[in-house]
Amino acid sequence: MIPDTRFEEISANAETQALNGIWSQLEYDTRDFPERRDLFLWVLERLLREGRLKLAKHGRFLEGSVEEQVEAFRKAWPQSELDADKRSLLPDDPHIGSGVGMGLWFFMDDCPGEAVWRLPDGSFPPP
C-alpha cells in the first residue's frame, strides 16, 4: 500500500506510542477517512506480523490470529470522523465535527486493543 521506506518512517515515528500515533502519522498520506482506515489497518497488520507490537486490552494480550485481531478493529471502526467524534466526545462538545474524536477513539472501550511495543531486547512488557 505504501513504500517500505514510508512504512519504516511511520513505524519509527509511532514506536512506543499508543495506536493514535500511527493514525496521526497517516494524515500525511491521505485525508480520505476510509482510505486512511485501510492504510492504518495495513500498517497494524504488518507490525503484528513482523512481531514489532502486540495488542492488549484490559491488561491482557489479545488472542486469535493476526487476521482476527485486525478484523476486530475493522468491525469496531467508526464509520466516519463525525461518528468518531460522537462516540468519543460529550454530546455538547464544540469539537464535534472537527475529527478530533478519532484520536480519542483509540482510548475508548469501543477500540478492541492498545499497542504494546516490543522492547529493544526483543521482549514485550506486560500489558
N, C-alpha and C. Protein backbone atom coordinates (compact mmCIF):
# COMPACT_ATOMS: atom_id res chain seq x y z
N MET A 1 0.81 -1.21 0.00
CA MET A 1 0.00 0.00 0.00
C MET A 1 0.85 1.27 0.00
N ILE A 2 1.95 1.21 0.72
CA ILE A 2 2.90 2.33 0.74
C ILE A 2 4.30 1.74 0.59
N PRO A 3 5.26 2.52 0.15
CA PRO A 3 6.62 2.00 0.02
C PRO A 3 7.19 1.60 1.39
N ASP A 4 8.12 0.66 1.37
CA ASP A 4 8.75 0.20 2.61
C ASP A 4 9.40 1.35 3.37
N THR A 5 9.96 2.30 2.65
CA THR A 5 10.61 3.42 3.33
C THR A 5 9.59 4.25 4.13
N ARG A 6 8.40 4.42 3.56
CA ARG A 6 7.37 5.17 4.28
C ARG A 6 6.85 4.36 5.47
N PHE A 7 6.69 3.06 5.28
CA PHE A 7 6.27 2.20 6.39
C PHE A 7 7.26 2.30 7.54
N GLU A 8 8.54 2.26 7.24
CA GLU A 8 9.56 2.34 8.29
C GLU A 8 9.54 3.70 8.97
N GLU A 9 9.30 4.75 8.21
CA GLU A 9 9.21 6.09 8.79
C GLU A 9 8.02 6.18 9.75
N ILE A 10 6.87 5.68 9.32
CA ILE A 10 5.68 5.67 10.17
C ILE A 10 5.94 4.87 11.43
N SER A 11 6.51 3.69 11.26
CA SER A 11 6.78 2.81 12.40
C SER A 11 7.74 3.46 13.39
N ALA A 12 8.81 4.05 12.88
CA ALA A 12 9.80 4.69 13.75
C ALA A 12 9.19 5.86 14.50
N ASN A 13 8.38 6.65 13.82
CA ASN A 13 7.77 7.82 14.46
C ASN A 13 6.70 7.44 15.48
N ALA A 14 6.03 6.32 15.26
CA ALA A 14 4.93 5.92 16.14
C ALA A 14 5.38 4.95 17.24
N GLU A 15 6.56 4.38 17.09
CA GLU A 15 7.02 3.37 18.05
C GLU A 15 6.99 3.91 19.47
N THR A 16 6.51 3.09 20.37
CA THR A 16 6.30 3.35 21.80
C THR A 16 5.06 4.21 22.07
N GLN A 17 4.41 4.69 21.05
CA GLN A 17 3.19 5.49 21.25
C GLN A 17 1.96 4.60 21.24
N ALA A 18 0.87 5.17 21.66
CA ALA A 18 -0.42 4.50 21.53
C ALA A 18 -0.77 4.42 20.04
N LEU A 19 -1.79 3.66 19.71
CA LEU A 19 -2.16 3.47 18.31
C LEU A 19 -2.55 4.77 17.60
N ASN A 20 -2.98 5.76 18.35
CA ASN A 20 -3.30 7.03 17.71
C ASN A 20 -2.06 7.68 17.12
N GLY A 21 -0.87 7.25 17.55
CA GLY A 21 0.36 7.73 16.96
C GLY A 21 0.50 7.29 15.51
N ILE A 22 0.10 6.04 15.23
CA ILE A 22 0.10 5.56 13.85
C ILE A 22 -0.93 6.33 13.05
N TRP A 23 -2.13 6.48 13.61
CA TRP A 23 -3.20 7.20 12.93
C TRP A 23 -2.75 8.61 12.56
N SER A 24 -2.12 9.30 13.48
CA SER A 24 -1.71 10.68 13.19
C SER A 24 -0.63 10.73 12.12
N GLN A 25 0.26 9.73 12.07
CA GLN A 25 1.29 9.69 11.04
C GLN A 25 0.67 9.58 9.64
N LEU A 26 -0.45 8.92 9.53
CA LEU A 26 -1.07 8.67 8.23
C LEU A 26 -1.79 9.89 7.66
N GLU A 27 -1.90 10.92 8.45
CA GLU A 27 -2.51 12.16 7.97
C GLU A 27 -1.75 12.71 6.76
N TYR A 28 -0.47 12.44 6.69
CA TYR A 28 0.36 12.93 5.60
C TYR A 28 0.18 12.11 4.32
N ASP A 29 -0.39 10.92 4.46
CA ASP A 29 -0.55 10.03 3.30
C ASP A 29 -1.92 10.20 2.64
N THR A 30 -2.93 10.45 3.43
CA THR A 30 -4.27 10.68 2.89
C THR A 30 -5.17 11.27 3.97
N ARG A 31 -6.09 12.09 3.57
CA ARG A 31 -7.09 12.63 4.50
C ARG A 31 -8.45 11.98 4.27
N ASP A 32 -8.53 11.13 3.26
CA ASP A 32 -9.76 10.39 2.98
C ASP A 32 -9.95 9.35 4.09
N PHE A 33 -11.04 9.44 4.83
CA PHE A 33 -11.23 8.61 6.02
C PHE A 33 -11.18 7.11 5.72
N PRO A 34 -11.96 6.58 4.76
CA PRO A 34 -11.89 5.14 4.50
C PRO A 34 -10.50 4.69 4.02
N GLU A 35 -9.85 5.51 3.22
CA GLU A 35 -8.52 5.17 2.73
C GLU A 35 -7.50 5.17 3.87
N ARG A 36 -7.63 6.15 4.75
CA ARG A 36 -6.73 6.23 5.91
C ARG A 36 -6.96 5.05 6.85
N ARG A 37 -8.22 4.66 7.04
CA ARG A 37 -8.54 3.48 7.85
C ARG A 37 -7.87 2.24 7.27
N ASP A 38 -8.02 2.04 5.97
CA ASP A 38 -7.43 0.86 5.34
C ASP A 38 -5.91 0.87 5.45
N LEU A 39 -5.32 2.03 5.32
CA LEU A 39 -3.88 2.15 5.45
C LEU A 39 -3.45 1.86 6.89
N PHE A 40 -4.20 2.38 7.86
CA PHE A 40 -3.92 2.10 9.26
C PHE A 40 -3.96 0.59 9.52
N LEU A 41 -5.01 -0.06 9.06
CA LEU A 41 -5.15 -1.50 9.29
C LEU A 41 -4.04 -2.28 8.60
N TRP A 42 -3.60 -1.83 7.44
CA TRP A 42 -2.49 -2.47 6.75
C TRP A 42 -1.20 -2.33 7.55
N VAL A 43 -0.93 -1.13 8.06
CA VAL A 43 0.26 -0.90 8.88
C VAL A 43 0.18 -1.74 10.15
N LEU A 44 -0.98 -1.73 10.80
CA LEU A 44 -1.17 -2.51 12.02
C LEU A 44 -0.90 -4.00 11.76
N GLU A 45 -1.48 -4.51 10.69
CA GLU A 45 -1.28 -5.92 10.36
C GLU A 45 0.19 -6.23 10.12
N ARG A 46 0.87 -5.38 9.41
CA ARG A 46 2.28 -5.62 9.13
C ARG A 46 3.12 -5.58 10.42
N LEU A 47 2.84 -4.63 11.29
CA LEU A 47 3.56 -4.56 12.57
C LEU A 47 3.32 -5.81 13.41
N LEU A 48 2.08 -6.29 13.41
CA LEU A 48 1.77 -7.52 14.15
C LEU A 48 2.50 -8.72 13.55
N ARG A 49 2.45 -8.84 12.24
CA ARG A 49 3.12 -9.97 11.57
C ARG A 49 4.63 -9.95 11.78
N GLU A 50 5.21 -8.77 11.78
CA GLU A 50 6.65 -8.65 11.98
C GLU A 50 7.04 -8.79 13.45
N GLY A 51 6.06 -8.90 14.34
CA GLY A 51 6.34 -9.06 15.76
C GLY A 51 6.86 -7.81 16.44
N ARG A 52 6.55 -6.66 15.87
CA ARG A 52 7.02 -5.41 16.44
C ARG A 52 6.09 -4.88 17.51
N LEU A 53 4.86 -5.31 17.46
CA LEU A 53 3.93 -4.96 18.52
C LEU A 53 2.91 -6.06 18.70
N LYS A 54 2.30 -6.05 19.87
CA LYS A 54 1.17 -6.92 20.18
C LYS A 54 0.03 -6.01 20.60
N LEU A 55 -1.16 -6.56 20.61
CA LEU A 55 -2.33 -5.81 21.05
C LEU A 55 -2.81 -6.36 22.38
N ALA A 56 -3.28 -5.47 23.22
CA ALA A 56 -3.78 -5.87 24.53
C ALA A 56 -5.02 -5.05 24.86
N LYS A 57 -5.80 -5.56 25.79
CA LYS A 57 -6.97 -4.82 26.28
C LYS A 57 -7.21 -5.26 27.71
N HIS A 58 -7.44 -4.32 28.58
CA HIS A 58 -7.72 -4.59 29.99
C HIS A 58 -6.66 -5.48 30.63
N GLY A 59 -5.39 -5.21 30.31
CA GLY A 59 -4.29 -5.91 30.95
C GLY A 59 -3.99 -7.31 30.43
N ARG A 60 -4.56 -7.67 29.27
CA ARG A 60 -4.33 -9.00 28.70
C ARG A 60 -4.06 -8.86 27.21
N PHE A 61 -3.10 -9.67 26.73
CA PHE A 61 -2.85 -9.69 25.29
C PHE A 61 -4.06 -10.27 24.58
N LEU A 62 -4.37 -9.73 23.41
CA LEU A 62 -5.47 -10.26 22.62
C LEU A 62 -5.13 -11.64 22.12
N GLU A 63 -6.14 -12.47 22.03
CA GLU A 63 -5.97 -13.82 21.49
C GLU A 63 -6.47 -13.82 20.05
N GLY A 64 -6.14 -14.87 19.35
CA GLY A 64 -6.58 -15.01 17.97
C GLY A 64 -5.47 -14.68 17.00
N SER A 65 -5.71 -15.01 15.76
CA SER A 65 -4.73 -14.77 14.71
C SER A 65 -4.61 -13.27 14.42
N VAL A 66 -3.58 -12.93 13.71
CA VAL A 66 -3.40 -11.53 13.27
C VAL A 66 -4.63 -11.10 12.49
N GLU A 67 -5.10 -11.97 11.59
CA GLU A 67 -6.29 -11.63 10.78
C GLU A 67 -7.49 -11.35 11.67
N GLU A 68 -7.69 -12.16 12.69
CA GLU A 68 -8.83 -11.97 13.59
C GLU A 68 -8.71 -10.68 14.38
N GLN A 69 -7.51 -10.36 14.82
CA GLN A 69 -7.31 -9.12 15.58
C GLN A 69 -7.55 -7.90 14.70
N VAL A 70 -7.04 -7.93 13.49
CA VAL A 70 -7.25 -6.80 12.57
C VAL A 70 -8.73 -6.70 12.20
N GLU A 71 -9.38 -7.82 12.01
CA GLU A 71 -10.82 -7.81 11.69
C GLU A 71 -11.63 -7.22 12.84
N ALA A 72 -11.22 -7.46 14.07
CA ALA A 72 -11.91 -6.86 15.22
C ALA A 72 -11.84 -5.33 15.14
N PHE A 73 -10.70 -4.82 14.71
CA PHE A 73 -10.57 -3.37 14.53
C PHE A 73 -11.46 -2.89 13.39
N ARG A 74 -11.46 -3.63 12.30
CA ARG A 74 -12.28 -3.24 11.14
C ARG A 74 -13.76 -3.16 11.54
N LYS A 75 -14.23 -4.13 12.29
CA LYS A 75 -15.65 -4.17 12.69
C LYS A 75 -16.00 -3.05 13.67
N ALA A 76 -15.08 -2.71 14.54
CA ALA A 76 -15.35 -1.70 15.58
C ALA A 76 -15.11 -0.28 15.10
N TRP A 77 -14.44 -0.14 13.97
CA TRP A 77 -14.00 1.17 13.48
C TRP A 77 -15.18 2.12 13.27
N PRO A 78 -15.07 3.37 13.70
CA PRO A 78 -16.12 4.35 13.42
C PRO A 78 -16.37 4.48 11.92
N GLN A 79 -17.59 4.79 11.56
CA GLN A 79 -17.98 4.89 10.15
C GLN A 79 -17.44 6.15 9.47
N SER A 80 -17.15 7.16 10.28
CA SER A 80 -16.68 8.44 9.74
C SER A 80 -16.01 9.22 10.87
N GLU A 81 -15.39 10.33 10.51
CA GLU A 81 -14.82 11.19 11.55
C GLU A 81 -15.91 11.73 12.46
N LEU A 82 -17.05 12.06 11.91
CA LEU A 82 -18.17 12.54 12.72
C LEU A 82 -18.63 11.46 13.68
N ASP A 83 -18.73 10.22 13.22
CA ASP A 83 -19.09 9.10 14.08
C ASP A 83 -18.08 8.95 15.22
N ALA A 84 -16.79 9.08 14.91
CA ALA A 84 -15.75 9.00 15.95
C ALA A 84 -15.91 10.13 16.95
N ASP A 85 -16.21 11.34 16.47
CA ASP A 85 -16.44 12.47 17.37
C ASP A 85 -17.61 12.18 18.30
N LYS A 86 -18.71 11.68 17.75
CA LYS A 86 -19.90 11.40 18.55
C LYS A 86 -19.66 10.30 19.57
N ARG A 87 -18.83 9.33 19.23
CA ARG A 87 -18.52 8.23 20.16
C ARG A 87 -17.55 8.65 21.25
N SER A 88 -16.66 9.59 20.93
CA SER A 88 -15.55 9.90 21.82
C SER A 88 -15.71 11.18 22.63
N LEU A 89 -16.61 12.05 22.21
CA LEU A 89 -16.79 13.34 22.86
C LEU A 89 -18.16 13.44 23.51
N LEU A 90 -18.30 14.33 24.45
CA LEU A 90 -19.60 14.57 25.06
C LEU A 90 -20.53 15.20 24.03
N PRO A 91 -21.83 14.95 24.14
CA PRO A 91 -22.77 15.44 23.11
C PRO A 91 -22.72 16.94 22.83
N ASP A 92 -22.37 17.75 23.84
CA ASP A 92 -22.36 19.20 23.63
C ASP A 92 -20.95 19.75 23.39
N ASP A 93 -19.99 18.87 23.16
CA ASP A 93 -18.61 19.31 22.94
C ASP A 93 -18.52 20.12 21.65
N PRO A 94 -17.91 21.28 21.69
CA PRO A 94 -17.81 22.11 20.48
C PRO A 94 -16.90 21.52 19.41
N HIS A 95 -16.15 20.48 19.74
CA HIS A 95 -15.25 19.86 18.77
C HIS A 95 -15.93 18.81 17.90
N ILE A 96 -17.20 18.51 18.17
CA ILE A 96 -17.90 17.54 17.32
C ILE A 96 -17.93 18.10 15.90
N GLY A 97 -17.52 17.29 14.98
CA GLY A 97 -17.42 17.71 13.58
C GLY A 97 -16.02 18.12 13.18
N SER A 98 -15.10 18.12 14.14
CA SER A 98 -13.72 18.53 13.84
C SER A 98 -12.81 17.37 13.48
N GLY A 99 -13.24 16.14 13.80
CA GLY A 99 -12.42 14.97 13.52
C GLY A 99 -11.47 14.60 14.65
N VAL A 100 -11.49 15.37 15.72
CA VAL A 100 -10.58 15.11 16.85
C VAL A 100 -10.93 13.80 17.57
N GLY A 101 -12.16 13.35 17.46
CA GLY A 101 -12.61 12.16 18.17
C GLY A 101 -11.90 10.89 17.75
N MET A 102 -11.41 10.82 16.52
CA MET A 102 -10.73 9.60 16.08
C MET A 102 -9.48 9.35 16.91
N GLY A 103 -8.74 10.39 17.20
CA GLY A 103 -7.56 10.23 18.04
C GLY A 103 -7.90 9.75 19.44
N LEU A 104 -9.06 10.13 19.93
CA LEU A 104 -9.51 9.70 21.25
C LEU A 104 -10.10 8.30 21.23
N TRP A 105 -10.67 7.90 20.10
CA TRP A 105 -11.33 6.60 20.00
C TRP A 105 -10.40 5.46 20.40
N PHE A 106 -9.12 5.60 20.10
CA PHE A 106 -8.16 4.54 20.42
C PHE A 106 -8.05 4.28 21.92
N PHE A 107 -8.56 5.19 22.74
CA PHE A 107 -8.51 5.04 24.20
C PHE A 107 -9.87 4.67 24.79
N MET A 108 -10.86 4.50 23.93
CA MET A 108 -12.21 4.19 24.38
C MET A 108 -12.42 2.68 24.45
N ASP A 109 -13.45 2.27 25.17
CA ASP A 109 -13.78 0.84 25.25
C ASP A 109 -14.15 0.26 23.90
N ASP A 110 -14.67 1.09 22.98
CA ASP A 110 -15.03 0.63 21.64
C ASP A 110 -13.82 0.09 20.87
N CYS A 111 -12.65 0.63 21.16
CA CYS A 111 -11.43 0.21 20.45
C CYS A 111 -11.02 -1.17 20.98
N PRO A 112 -10.80 -2.12 20.09
CA PRO A 112 -10.54 -3.50 20.52
C PRO A 112 -9.19 -3.75 21.20
N GLY A 113 -8.23 -2.85 21.06
CA GLY A 113 -6.94 -3.12 21.67
C GLY A 113 -6.05 -1.90 21.69
N GLU A 114 -4.98 -2.04 22.44
CA GLU A 114 -3.97 -0.99 22.53
C GLU A 114 -2.62 -1.58 22.19
N ALA A 115 -1.70 -0.74 21.80
CA ALA A 115 -0.37 -1.19 21.37
C ALA A 115 0.51 -1.52 22.56
N VAL A 116 1.21 -2.64 22.44
CA VAL A 116 2.30 -2.99 23.36
C VAL A 116 3.51 -3.24 22.45
N TRP A 117 4.43 -2.32 22.46
CA TRP A 117 5.58 -2.37 21.54
C TRP A 117 6.68 -3.27 22.10
N ARG A 118 7.34 -3.96 21.20
CA ARG A 118 8.46 -4.83 21.56
C ARG A 118 9.61 -3.96 22.09
N LEU A 119 10.23 -4.42 23.15
CA LEU A 119 11.36 -3.72 23.75
C LEU A 119 12.64 -4.00 22.95
N PRO A 120 13.66 -3.19 23.14
CA PRO A 120 14.92 -3.40 22.40
C PRO A 120 15.51 -4.79 22.59
N ASP A 121 15.27 -5.43 23.75
CA ASP A 121 15.81 -6.78 23.97
C ASP A 121 14.97 -7.86 23.31
N GLY A 122 13.90 -7.47 22.60
CA GLY A 122 13.05 -8.43 21.90
C GLY A 122 11.85 -8.92 22.69
N SER A 123 11.77 -8.57 23.96
CA SER A 123 10.65 -9.00 24.79
C SER A 123 9.53 -7.96 24.73
N PHE A 124 8.41 -8.34 25.29
CA PHE A 124 7.27 -7.42 25.40
C PHE A 124 6.99 -7.18 26.88
N PRO A 125 6.75 -5.93 27.24
CA PRO A 125 6.37 -5.68 28.64
C PRO A 125 4.98 -6.23 28.89
N PRO A 126 4.65 -6.49 30.13
CA PRO A 126 3.28 -6.94 30.40
C PRO A 126 2.30 -5.83 30.01
N PRO A 127 1.15 -6.24 29.51
CA PRO A 127 0.17 -5.20 29.10
C PRO A 127 -0.41 -4.46 30.30
